[in-house]
Amino acid sequence: MLESLPKEVRDGLDAARKRDERRKSRLRVKVGEAAFKVLRFWDDGFALDAGLSPAKLRGLVDVYDGSRHTFQCLIVASSIEDGELLCDFKRVTAVADRAALDFWRDENAPVGYLTGPKRN
């Protein structure tokens, strides 16, 4: 259907679609001090706007949802297709807000202990 439209109209529609995707997305990738909006995110990768991001992206990056740090990803490959930088990652790790426990916590354990009145 879009093939019958003039090239200028198709380019305008593509630009409007990309602008709308950038506006809707809250996810962003942070590499050092630079941050880039995520256009799409799937199980083993994500897409960035190729015009606003580096030509190749590899290594460990942080993914934020607004101001909340959500993932750390290890990018192993990136390629440019249709104006998008497609990044595939080998590992994605959810970021926890507290340190992992190094002991087993019983579900029925008391929260605290009450002591009786002090005797002299």
C-alpha atoms as a PDB file:
ATOM      1  CA  MET A   1       0.000   0.000   0.000  1.00  0.00           C
ATOM      2  CA  LEU A   2       2.782   2.438   0.874  1.00  0.00           C
ATOM      3  CA  GLU A   3       4.706   1.515  -2.281  1.00  0.00           C
ATOM      4  CA  SER A   4       2.222   3.439  -4.417  1.00  0.00           C
ATOM      5  CA  LEU A   5       2.892   6.689  -2.519  1.00  0.00           C
ATOM      6  CA  PRO A   6       5.576   9.119  -3.690  1.00  0.00           C
ATOM      7  CA  LYS A   7       8.997   8.770  -2.052  1.00  0.00           C
ATOM      8  CA  GLU A   8       8.712  12.135  -0.263  1.00  0.00           C
ATOM      9  CA  VAL A   9       5.438  11.103   1.382  1.00  0.00           C
ATOM     10  CA  ARG A  10       6.898   7.739   2.485  1.00  0.00           C
ATOM     11  CA  ASP A  11       9.949   9.501   3.934  1.00  0.00           C
ATOM     12  CA  GLY A  12       7.684  11.917   5.791  1.00  0.00           C
ATOM     13  CA  LEU A  13       5.623   9.055   7.208  1.00  0.00           C
ATOM     14  CA  ASP A  14       8.781   7.222   8.337  1.00  0.00           C
ATOM     15  CA  ALA A  15      10.106  10.362  10.022  1.00  0.00           C
ATOM     16  CA  ALA A  16       6.774  10.897  11.804  1.00  0.00           C
ATOM     17  CA  ARG A  17       6.717   7.259  12.964  1.00  0.00           C
ATOM     18  CA  LYS A  18      10.256   7.518  14.372  1.00  0.00           C
ATOM     19  CA  ARG A  19       9.474  10.810  16.086  1.00  0.00           C
ATOM     20  CA  ASP A  20       6.378   9.265  17.670  1.00  0.00           C
ATOM     21  CA  GLU A  21       8.330   6.194  18.861  1.00  0.00           C
ATOM     22  CA  ARG A  22      10.989   8.418  20.436  1.00  0.00           C
ATOM     23  CA  ARG A  23       8.346  10.435  22.236  1.00  0.00           C
ATOM     24  CA  LYS A  24       6.530   7.356  23.607  1.00  0.00           C
ATOM     25  CA  SER A  25       9.566   5.467  24.839  1.00  0.00           C
ATOM     26  CA  ARG A  26      10.714   6.001  28.418  1.00  0.00           C
ATOM     27  CA  LEU A  27      13.583   3.532  28.090  1.00  0.00           C
ATOM     28  CA  ARG A  28      17.061   4.869  27.471  1.00  0.00           C
ATOM     29  CA  VAL A  29      20.515   3.349  27.234  1.00  0.00           C
ATOM     30  CA  LYS A  30      23.346   5.000  29.093  1.00  0.00           C
ATOM     31  CA  VAL A  31      26.929   4.495  27.923  1.00  0.00           C
ATOM     32  CA  GLY A  32      29.288   6.445  30.155  1.00  0.00           C
ATOM     33  CA  GLU A  33      27.778   9.937  30.278  1.00  0.00           C
ATOM     34  CA  ALA A  34      25.893   9.651  26.964  1.00  0.00           C
ATOM     35  CA  ALA A  35      22.242   8.543  26.939  1.00  0.00           C
ATOM     36  CA  PHE A  36      20.215   7.320  23.951  1.00  0.00           C
ATOM     37  CA  LYS A  37      16.456   6.684  23.652  1.00  0.00           C
ATOM     38  CA  VAL A  38      15.392   3.077  23.029  1.00  0.00           C
ATOM     39  CA  LEU A  39      12.915   2.777  20.162  1.00  0.00           C
ATOM     40  CA  ARG A  40      12.109  -0.918  20.640  1.00  0.00           C
ATOM     41  CA  PHE A  41      13.099  -3.542  23.223  1.00  0.00           C
ATOM     42  CA  TRP A  42      12.752  -7.328  22.827  1.00  0.00           C
ATOM     43  CA  ASP A  43      14.014 -10.501  24.545  1.00  0.00           C
ATOM     44  CA  ASP A  44      17.579 -10.438  23.245  1.00  0.00           C
ATOM     45  CA  GLY A  45      18.106  -6.892  22.006  1.00  0.00           C
ATOM     46  CA  PHE A  46      16.896  -3.366  21.441  1.00  0.00           C
ATOM     47  CA  ALA A  47      16.848  -0.699  18.735  1.00  0.00           C
ATOM     48  CA  LEU A  48      18.188   2.850  18.872  1.00  0.00           C
ATOM     49  CA  ASP A  49      17.890   5.669  16.354  1.00  0.00           C
ATOM     50  CA  ALA A  50      20.974   5.308  14.146  1.00  0.00           C
ATOM     51  CA  GLY A  51      21.144   9.049  13.492  1.00  0.00           C
ATOM     52  CA  LEU A  52      21.418   9.909  17.190  1.00  0.00           C
ATOM     53  CA  SER A  53      23.631   7.060  18.428  1.00  0.00           C
ATOM     54  CA  PRO A  54      27.165   5.843  17.694  1.00  0.00           C
ATOM     55  CA  ALA A  55      27.691   3.702  14.587  1.00  0.00           C
ATOM     56  CA  LYS A  56      28.740   0.659  16.637  1.00  0.00           C
ATOM     57  CA  LEU A  57      27.872  -0.127  20.220  1.00  0.00           C
ATOM     58  CA  ARG A  58      29.492  -2.935  22.222  1.00  0.00           C
ATOM     59  CA  GLY A  59      30.156  -3.738  25.837  1.00  0.00           C
ATOM     60  CA  LEU A  60      28.321  -3.182  29.096  1.00  0.00           C
ATOM     61  CA  VAL A  61      25.510  -0.604  29.055  1.00  0.00           C
ATOM     62  CA  ASP A  62      22.867   0.454  31.563  1.00  0.00           C
ATOM     63  CA  VAL A  63      19.160   0.615  30.675  1.00  0.00           C
ATOM     64  CA  TYR A  64      16.937   3.096  32.506  1.00  0.00           C
ATOM     65  CA  ASP A  65      13.154   3.395  32.617  1.00  0.00           C
ATOM     66  CA  GLY A  66      12.750   7.083  33.297  1.00  0.00           C
ATOM     67  CA  SER A  67      15.103   7.674  36.221  1.00  0.00           C
ATOM     68  CA  ARG A  68      14.963   4.088  37.531  1.00  0.00           C
ATOM     69  CA  HIS A  69      17.929   1.843  36.697  1.00  0.00           C
ATOM     70  CA  THR A  70      16.363  -1.414  35.455  1.00  0.00           C
ATOM     71  CA  PHE A  71      18.914  -3.521  33.520  1.00  0.00           C
ATOM     72  CA  GLN A  72      22.558  -3.980  32.726  1.00  0.00           C
ATOM     73  CA  CYS A  73      23.156  -5.437  29.268  1.00  0.00           C
ATOM     74  CA  LEU A  74      26.257  -6.864  27.636  1.00  0.00           C
ATOM     75  CA  ILE A  75      26.025  -5.950  23.950  1.00  0.00           C
ATOM     76  CA  VAL A  76      27.876  -8.343  21.650  1.00  0.00           C
ATOM     77  CA  ALA A  77      26.717  -7.197  18.218  1.00  0.00           C
ATOM     78  CA  SER A  78      25.149  -4.163  16.599  1.00  0.00           C
ATOM     79  CA  SER A  79      24.106  -3.395  13.049  1.00  0.00           C
ATOM     80  CA  ILE A  80      22.259  -0.626  11.230  1.00  0.00           C
ATOM     81  CA  GLU A  81      19.027  -1.451   9.394  1.00  0.00           C
ATOM     82  CA  ASP A  82      16.376   1.006   8.156  1.00  0.00           C
ATOM     83  CA  GLY A  83      17.791   3.901  10.160  1.00  0.00           C
ATOM     84  CA  GLU A  84      17.889   1.922  13.412  1.00  0.00           C
ATOM     85  CA  LEU A  85      20.905   0.651  15.318  1.00  0.00           C
ATOM     86  CA  LEU A  86      19.956  -2.912  16.283  1.00  0.00           C
ATOM     87  CA  CYS A  87      21.849  -4.157  19.333  1.00  0.00           C
ATOM     88  CA  ASP A  88      21.914  -7.816  20.370  1.00  0.00           C
ATOM     89  CA  PHE A  89      22.955  -8.643  23.888  1.00  0.00           C
ATOM     90  CA  LYS A  90      24.463 -11.743  25.382  1.00  0.00           C
ATOM     91  CA  ARG A  91      23.381 -11.057  28.928  1.00  0.00           C
ATOM     92  CA  VAL A  92      20.726  -8.905  30.544  1.00  0.00           C
ATOM     93  CA  THR A  93      20.664  -8.578  34.321  1.00  0.00           C
ATOM     94  CA  ALA A  94      17.894  -6.954  36.305  1.00  0.00           C
ATOM     95  CA  VAL A  95      19.202  -4.400  38.770  1.00  0.00           C
ATOM     96  CA  ALA A  96      18.111  -4.954  42.372  1.00  0.00           C
ATOM     97  CA  ASP A  97      17.537  -2.126  44.815  1.00  0.00           C
ATOM     98  CA  ARG A  98      19.328  -3.974  47.621  1.00  0.00           C
ATOM     99  CA  ALA A  99      22.240  -6.369  47.965  1.00  0.00           C
ATOM    100  CA  ALA A 100      21.665 -10.083  47.550  1.00  0.00           C
ATOM    101  CA  LEU A 101      21.351 -12.091  50.758  1.00  0.00           C
ATOM    102  CA  ASP A 102      24.149 -14.504  51.550  1.00  0.00           C
ATOM    103  CA  PHE A 103      21.992 -16.519  53.949  1.00  0.00           C
ATOM    104  CA  TRP A 104      18.620 -18.245  53.904  1.00  0.00           C
ATOM    105  CA  ARG A 105      15.774 -16.192  55.362  1.00  0.00           C
ATOM    106  CA  ASP A 106      12.929 -18.167  56.947  1.00  0.00           C
ATOM    107  CA  GLU A 107       9.505 -16.915  55.859  1.00  0.00           C
ATOM    108  CA  ASN A 108       8.105 -17.430  59.370  1.00  0.00           C
ATOM    109  CA  ALA A 109      11.013 -15.843  61.213  1.00  0.00           C
ATOM    110  CA  PRO A 110      10.082 -13.127  63.704  1.00  0.00           C
ATOM    111  CA  VAL A 111      10.699  -9.566  62.652  1.00  0.00           C
ATOM    112  CA  GLY A 112      12.054  -8.646  66.076  1.00  0.00           C
ATOM    113  CA  TYR A 113      12.218  -9.877  69.649  1.00  0.00           C
ATOM    114  CA  LEU A 114      10.377  -8.317  72.562  1.00  0.00           C
ATOM    115  CA  THR A 115      12.129  -8.216  75.878  1.00  0.00           C
ATOM    116  CA  GLY A 116      10.457  -8.121  79.241  1.00  0.00           C
ATOM    117  CA  PRO A 117      10.772  -5.283  81.742  1.00  0.00           C
ATOM    118  CA  LYS A 118      14.245  -4.785  83.152  1.00  0.00           C
ATOM    119  CA  ARG A 119      14.739  -5.987  86.698  1.00  0.00           C
ATOM    120  CA  ASN A 120      17.204  -4.414  89.057  1.00  0.00           C
END
